[in-house]
PDB file of N, CA and C in Angstrom:
ATOM      1  N   MET A   1     -23.411 -49.695 -34.549  1.00  0.00           N
ATOM      2  CA  MET A   1     -23.438 -49.668 -36.033  1.00  0.00           C
ATOM      3  C   MET A   1     -22.597 -48.755 -36.638  1.00  0.00           C
ATOM      4  N   ILE A   2     -22.905 -47.469 -36.326  1.00  0.00           N
ATOM      5  CA  ILE A   2     -22.332 -46.272 -36.552  1.00  0.00           C
ATOM      6  C   ILE A   2     -20.697 -46.514 -36.381  1.00  0.00           C
ATOM      7  N   LEU A   3     -20.325 -47.109 -35.221  1.00  0.00           N
ATOM      8  CA  LEU A   3     -18.921 -47.061 -35.031  1.00  0.00           C
ATOM      9  C   LEU A   3     -18.171 -48.038 -35.894  1.00  0.00           C
ATOM     10  N   ARG A   4     -18.985 -49.044 -36.295  1.00  0.00           N
ATOM     11  CA  ARG A   4     -18.405 -50.078 -37.304  1.00  0.00           C
ATOM     12  C   ARG A   4     -18.242 -49.525 -38.646  1.00  0.00           C
ATOM     13  N   ILE A   5     -19.181 -48.520 -38.975  1.00  0.00           N
ATOM     14  CA  ILE A   5     -19.041 -47.673 -40.270  1.00  0.00           C
ATOM     15  C   ILE A   5     -17.878 -46.980 -40.299  1.00  0.00           C
ATOM     16  N   ILE A   6     -17.720 -46.190 -39.188  1.00  0.00           N
ATOM     17  CA  ILE A   6     -16.338 -45.151 -39.156  1.00  0.00           C
ATOM     18  C   ILE A   6     -15.216 -45.961 -39.047  1.00  0.00           C
ATOM     19  N   ILE A   7     -15.109 -47.112 -38.531  1.00  0.00           N
ATOM     20  CA  ILE A   7     -13.955 -47.909 -38.447  1.00  0.00           C
ATOM     21  C   ILE A   7     -13.468 -48.523 -39.815  1.00  0.00           C
ATOM     22  N   GLY A   8     -14.629 -48.782 -40.322  1.00  0.00           N
ATOM     23  CA  GLY A   8     -14.674 -49.321 -41.769  1.00  0.00           C
ATOM     24  C   GLY A   8     -14.113 -48.261 -42.818  1.00  0.00           C
ATOM     25  N   VAL A   9     -14.429 -46.957 -42.645  1.00  0.00           N
ATOM     26  CA  VAL A   9     -14.124 -45.995 -43.476  1.00  0.00           C
ATOM     27  C   VAL A   9     -12.454 -45.567 -43.236  1.00  0.00           C
ATOM     28  N   VAL A  10     -12.231 -45.556 -41.923  1.00  0.00           N
ATOM     29  CA  VAL A  10     -10.845 -45.261 -41.449  1.00  0.00           C
ATOM     30  C   VAL A  10      -9.936 -46.445 -41.949  1.00  0.00           C
ATOM     31  N   VAL A  11     -10.270 -47.468 -41.607  1.00  0.00           N
ATOM     32  CA  VAL A  11      -9.273 -48.772 -42.016  1.00  0.00           C
ATOM     33  C   VAL A  11      -9.165 -48.840 -43.352  1.00  0.00           C
ATOM     34  N   GLY A  12     -10.395 -48.816 -44.062  1.00  0.00           N
ATOM     35  CA  GLY A  12     -10.439 -49.166 -45.648  1.00  0.00           C
ATOM     36  C   GLY A  12      -9.596 -47.836 -46.270  1.00  0.00           C
ATOM     37  N   GLY A  13      -9.747 -46.688 -45.900  1.00  0.00           N
ATOM     38  CA  GLY A  13      -8.933 -45.591 -46.496  1.00  0.00           C
ATOM     39  C   GLY A  13      -7.481 -45.711 -46.177  1.00  0.00           C
ATOM     40  N   GLY A  14      -7.265 -46.045 -44.989  1.00  0.00           N
ATOM     41  CA  GLY A  14      -5.719 -46.338 -44.556  1.00  0.00           C
ATOM     42  C   GLY A  14      -5.142 -47.425 -45.626  1.00  0.00           C
ATOM     43  N   ILE A  15      -5.837 -48.384 -45.748  1.00  0.00           N
ATOM     44  CA  ILE A  15      -5.451 -49.621 -46.625  1.00  0.00           C
ATOM     45  C   ILE A  15      -5.212 -49.221 -48.180  1.00  0.00           C
ATOM     46  N   GLY A  16      -6.275 -48.235 -48.446  1.00  0.00           N
ATOM     47  CA  GLY A  16      -6.387 -47.802 -49.968  1.00  0.00           C
ATOM     48  C   GLY A  16      -5.137 -46.790 -50.245  1.00  0.00           C
ATOM     49  N   PHE A  17      -4.606 -46.127 -48.967  1.00  0.00           N
ATOM     50  CA  PHE A  17      -3.471 -45.176 -49.117  1.00  0.00           C
ATOM     51  C   PHE A  17      -2.303 -46.005 -49.264  1.00  0.00           C
ATOM     52  N   GLY A  18      -2.304 -46.998 -48.380  1.00  0.00           N
ATOM     53  CA  GLY A  18      -1.043 -47.888 -48.519  1.00  0.00           C
ATOM     54  C   GLY A  18      -0.898 -48.497 -49.856  1.00  0.00           C
ATOM     55  N   TRP A  19      -1.994 -48.903 -50.379  1.00  0.00           N
ATOM     56  CA  TRP A  19      -2.032 -49.691 -51.762  1.00  0.00           C
ATOM     57  C   TRP A  19      -1.606 -48.569 -52.967  1.00  0.00           C
ATOM     58  N   TYR A  20      -2.200 -47.407 -52.756  1.00  0.00           N
ATOM     59  CA  TYR A  20      -1.546 -46.291 -53.632  1.00  0.00           C
ATOM     60  C   TYR A  20       0.042 -46.181 -53.430  1.00  0.00           C
ATOM     61  N   LYS A  21       0.449 -46.118 -52.192  1.00  0.00           N
ATOM     62  CA  LYS A  21       1.949 -46.000 -51.914  1.00  0.00           C
ATOM     63  C   LYS A  21       2.849 -47.226 -52.398  1.00  0.00           C
ATOM     64  N   LEU A  22       2.222 -48.371 -52.244  1.00  0.00           N
ATOM     65  CA  LEU A  22       3.097 -49.541 -52.352  1.00  0.00           C
ATOM     66  C   LEU A  22       2.990 -49.993 -53.882  1.00  0.00           C
ATOM     67  N   VAL A  23       1.770 -49.954 -54.411  1.00  0.00           N
ATOM     68  CA  VAL A  23       1.473 -50.454 -55.767  1.00  0.00           C
ATOM     69  C   VAL A  23       0.988 -49.500 -56.961  1.00  0.00           C
ATOM     70  N   GLY A  24       0.714 -48.187 -56.370  1.00  0.00           N
ATOM     71  CA  GLY A  24       0.408 -47.242 -57.259  1.00  0.00           C
ATOM     72  C   GLY A  24       0.903 -47.049 -58.488  1.00  0.00           C
ATOM     73  N   CYS A  25       0.336 -46.616 -59.525  1.00  0.00           N
ATOM     74  CA  CYS A  25       0.685 -46.460 -60.986  1.00  0.00           C
ATOM     75  C   CYS A  25       1.360 -45.073 -60.965  1.00  0.00           C
ATOM     76  N   SER A  26       2.688 -44.959 -61.268  1.00  0.00           N
ATOM     77  CA  SER A  26       3.135 -43.603 -61.392  1.00  0.00           C
ATOM     78  C   SER A  26       3.187 -43.036 -62.861  1.00  0.00           C
ATOM     79  N   THR A  27       2.616 -43.780 -63.804  1.00  0.00           N
ATOM     80  CA  THR A  27       2.516 -43.151 -65.111  1.00  0.00           C
ATOM     81  C   THR A  27       1.172 -42.497 -65.301  1.00  0.00           C
ATOM     82  N   GLY A  28       0.245 -42.618 -64.287  1.00  0.00           N
ATOM     83  CA  GLY A  28      -0.922 -42.223 -64.331  1.00  0.00           C
ATOM     84  C   GLY A  28      -2.004 -42.604 -65.509  1.00  0.00           C
ATOM     85  N   ALA A  29      -1.372 -44.002 -66.022  1.00  0.00           N
ATOM     86  CA  ALA A  29      -2.275 -44.642 -66.823  1.00  0.00           C
ATOM     87  C   ALA A  29      -3.420 -45.328 -66.176  1.00  0.00           C
ATOM     88  N   CYS A  30      -3.148 -45.675 -64.948  1.00  0.00           N
ATOM     89  CA  CYS A  30      -4.121 -46.504 -64.227  1.00  0.00           C
ATOM     90  C   CYS A  30      -5.027 -45.700 -63.506  1.00  0.00           C
ATOM     91  N   PRO A  31      -6.180 -45.770 -63.914  1.00  0.00           N
ATOM     92  CA  PRO A  31      -7.265 -44.960 -63.319  1.00  0.00           C
ATOM     93  C   PRO A  31      -7.389 -45.159 -61.696  1.00  0.00           C
ATOM     94  N   LEU A  32      -7.488 -46.352 -61.336  1.00  0.00           N
ATOM     95  CA  LEU A  32      -7.760 -46.728 -59.679  1.00  0.00           C
ATOM     96  C   LEU A  32      -6.482 -46.089 -58.932  1.00  0.00           C
ATOM     97  N   THR A  33      -5.252 -46.446 -59.131  1.00  0.00           N
ATOM     98  CA  THR A  33      -4.243 -46.623 -58.399  1.00  0.00           C
ATOM     99  C   THR A  33      -3.256 -45.171 -58.810  1.00  0.00           C
ATOM    100  N   SER A  34      -3.724 -44.373 -59.740  1.00  0.00           N
ATOM    101  CA  SER A  34      -2.900 -43.261 -60.140  1.00  0.00           C
ATOM    102  C   SER A  34      -3.122 -42.003 -59.302  1.00  0.00           C
ATOM    103  N   HIS A  35      -3.937 -41.825 -58.375  1.00  0.00           N
ATOM    104  CA  HIS A  35      -4.377 -40.721 -57.559  1.00  0.00           C
ATOM    105  C   HIS A  35      -4.639 -41.087 -56.294  1.00  0.00           C
ATOM    106  N   PRO A  36      -4.205 -40.594 -55.232  1.00  0.00           N
ATOM    107  CA  PRO A  36      -4.315 -41.045 -53.688  1.00  0.00           C
ATOM    108  C   PRO A  36      -5.729 -40.959 -53.251  1.00  0.00           C
ATOM    109  N   VAL A  37      -6.295 -39.965 -53.771  1.00  0.00           N
ATOM    110  CA  VAL A  37      -7.783 -39.649 -53.150  1.00  0.00           C
ATOM    111  C   VAL A  37      -8.648 -40.647 -53.883  1.00  0.00           C
ATOM    112  N   ILE A  38      -8.587 -41.005 -54.938  1.00  0.00           N
ATOM    113  CA  ILE A  38      -9.446 -41.933 -55.601  1.00  0.00           C
ATOM    114  C   ILE A  38      -9.237 -43.340 -54.883  1.00  0.00           C
ATOM    115  N   THR A  39      -8.222 -43.664 -54.609  1.00  0.00           N
ATOM    116  CA  THR A  39      -7.595 -45.243 -54.162  1.00  0.00           C
ATOM    117  C   THR A  39      -8.052 -45.163 -52.540  1.00  0.00           C
ATOM    118  N   MET A  40      -8.066 -43.993 -52.110  1.00  0.00           N
ATOM    119  CA  MET A  40      -8.484 -43.998 -50.528  1.00  0.00           C
ATOM    120  C   MET A  40     -10.373 -44.087 -50.467  1.00  0.00           C
ATOM    121  N   ILE A  41     -10.699 -43.448 -51.440  1.00  0.00           N
ATOM    122  CA  ILE A  41     -12.330 -43.531 -51.433  1.00  0.00           C
ATOM    123  C   ILE A  41     -12.679 -44.900 -52.002  1.00  0.00           C
ATOM    124  N   TYR A  42     -12.006 -45.629 -52.760  1.00  0.00           N
ATOM    125  CA  TYR A  42     -12.462 -47.080 -53.085  1.00  0.00           C
ATOM    126  C   TYR A  42     -12.052 -47.942 -51.774  1.00  0.00           C
ATOM    127  N   GLY A  43     -11.048 -47.707 -51.382  1.00  0.00           N
ATOM    128  CA  GLY A  43     -10.813 -48.461 -49.898  1.00  0.00           C
ATOM    129  C   GLY A  43     -11.607 -48.032 -48.891  1.00  0.00           C
ATOM    130  N   ALA A  44     -12.271 -46.903 -48.660  1.00  0.00           N
ATOM    131  CA  ALA A  44     -13.037 -46.603 -47.556  1.00  0.00           C
ATOM    132  C   ALA A  44     -14.540 -47.377 -48.020  1.00  0.00           C
ATOM    133  N   VAL A  45     -14.878 -47.205 -49.178  1.00  0.00           N
ATOM    134  CA  VAL A  45     -16.177 -47.958 -49.448  1.00  0.00           C
ATOM    135  C   VAL A  45     -16.077 -49.316 -49.322  1.00  0.00           C
ATOM    136  N   LEU A  46     -14.944 -50.025 -49.760  1.00  0.00           N
ATOM    137  CA  LEU A  46     -14.812 -51.520 -49.421  1.00  0.00           C
ATOM    138  C   LEU A  46     -14.747 -51.967 -48.029  1.00  0.00           C
ATOM    139  N   GLY A  47     -14.031 -50.915 -47.219  1.00  0.00           N
ATOM    140  CA  GLY A  47     -14.121 -50.963 -45.823  1.00  0.00           C
ATOM    141  C   GLY A  47     -15.457 -50.836 -45.232  1.00  0.00           C
ATOM    142  N   VAL A  48     -16.349 -50.140 -45.588  1.00  0.00           N
ATOM    143  CA  VAL A  48     -17.586 -49.973 -45.240  1.00  0.00           C
ATOM    144  C   VAL A  48     -18.413 -51.158 -45.127  1.00  0.00           C
ATOM    145  N   LEU A  49     -18.400 -51.680 -46.776  1.00  0.00           N
ATOM    146  CA  LEU A  49     -19.034 -53.017 -47.172  1.00  0.00           C
ATOM    147  C   LEU A  49     -18.708 -54.137 -46.334  1.00  0.00           C
ATOM    148  N   ILE A  50     -17.373 -54.126 -46.139  1.00  0.00           N
ATOM    149  CA  ILE A  50     -16.879 -55.328 -45.165  1.00  0.00           C
ATOM    150  C   ILE A  50     -17.404 -55.303 -43.864  1.00  0.00           C
ATOM    151  N   ALA A  51     -17.448 -53.932 -43.167  1.00  0.00           N
ATOM    152  CA  ALA A  51     -17.737 -53.768 -41.771  1.00  0.00           C
ATOM    153  C   ALA A  51     -19.054 -54.095 -41.729  1.00  0.00           C
ATOM    154  N   THR A  52     -19.978 -53.891 -42.531  1.00  0.00           N
ATOM    155  CA  THR A  52     -21.315 -53.850 -42.333  1.00  0.00           C
ATOM    156  C   THR A  52     -21.958 -55.289 -42.802  1.00  0.00           C
ATOM    157  N   SER A  53     -21.123 -56.098 -43.509  1.00  0.00           N
ATOM    158  CA  SER A  53     -21.693 -57.267 -44.054  1.00  0.00           C
ATOM    159  C   SER A  53     -21.580 -58.393 -42.887  1.00  0.00           C
ATOM    160  N   SER A  54     -20.627 -58.141 -42.069  1.00  0.00           N
ATOM    161  CA  SER A  54     -20.552 -59.463 -40.998  1.00  0.00           C
ATOM    162  C   SER A  54     -21.245 -59.084 -39.932  1.00  0.00           C
ATOM    163  N   HIS A  55     -21.763 -60.091 -39.303  1.00  0.00           N
ATOM    164  CA  HIS A  55     -22.485 -59.837 -37.855  1.00  0.00           C
ATOM    165  C   HIS A  55     -21.856 -60.673 -36.953  1.00  0.00           C
TER     166      HIS A  55
END
């Protein structure tokens, strides 16, 4: 279970960073995609939710 959470955090954070690089808002007007750390945190949280929801 702990391994699934760790994998979810790492994969989700990586996807969040990729989303920031590919789609990110350059003007700073978008609160979710304007900063890489915020986007990585959201990605990591979603990764954990997905990793722990499936059996």
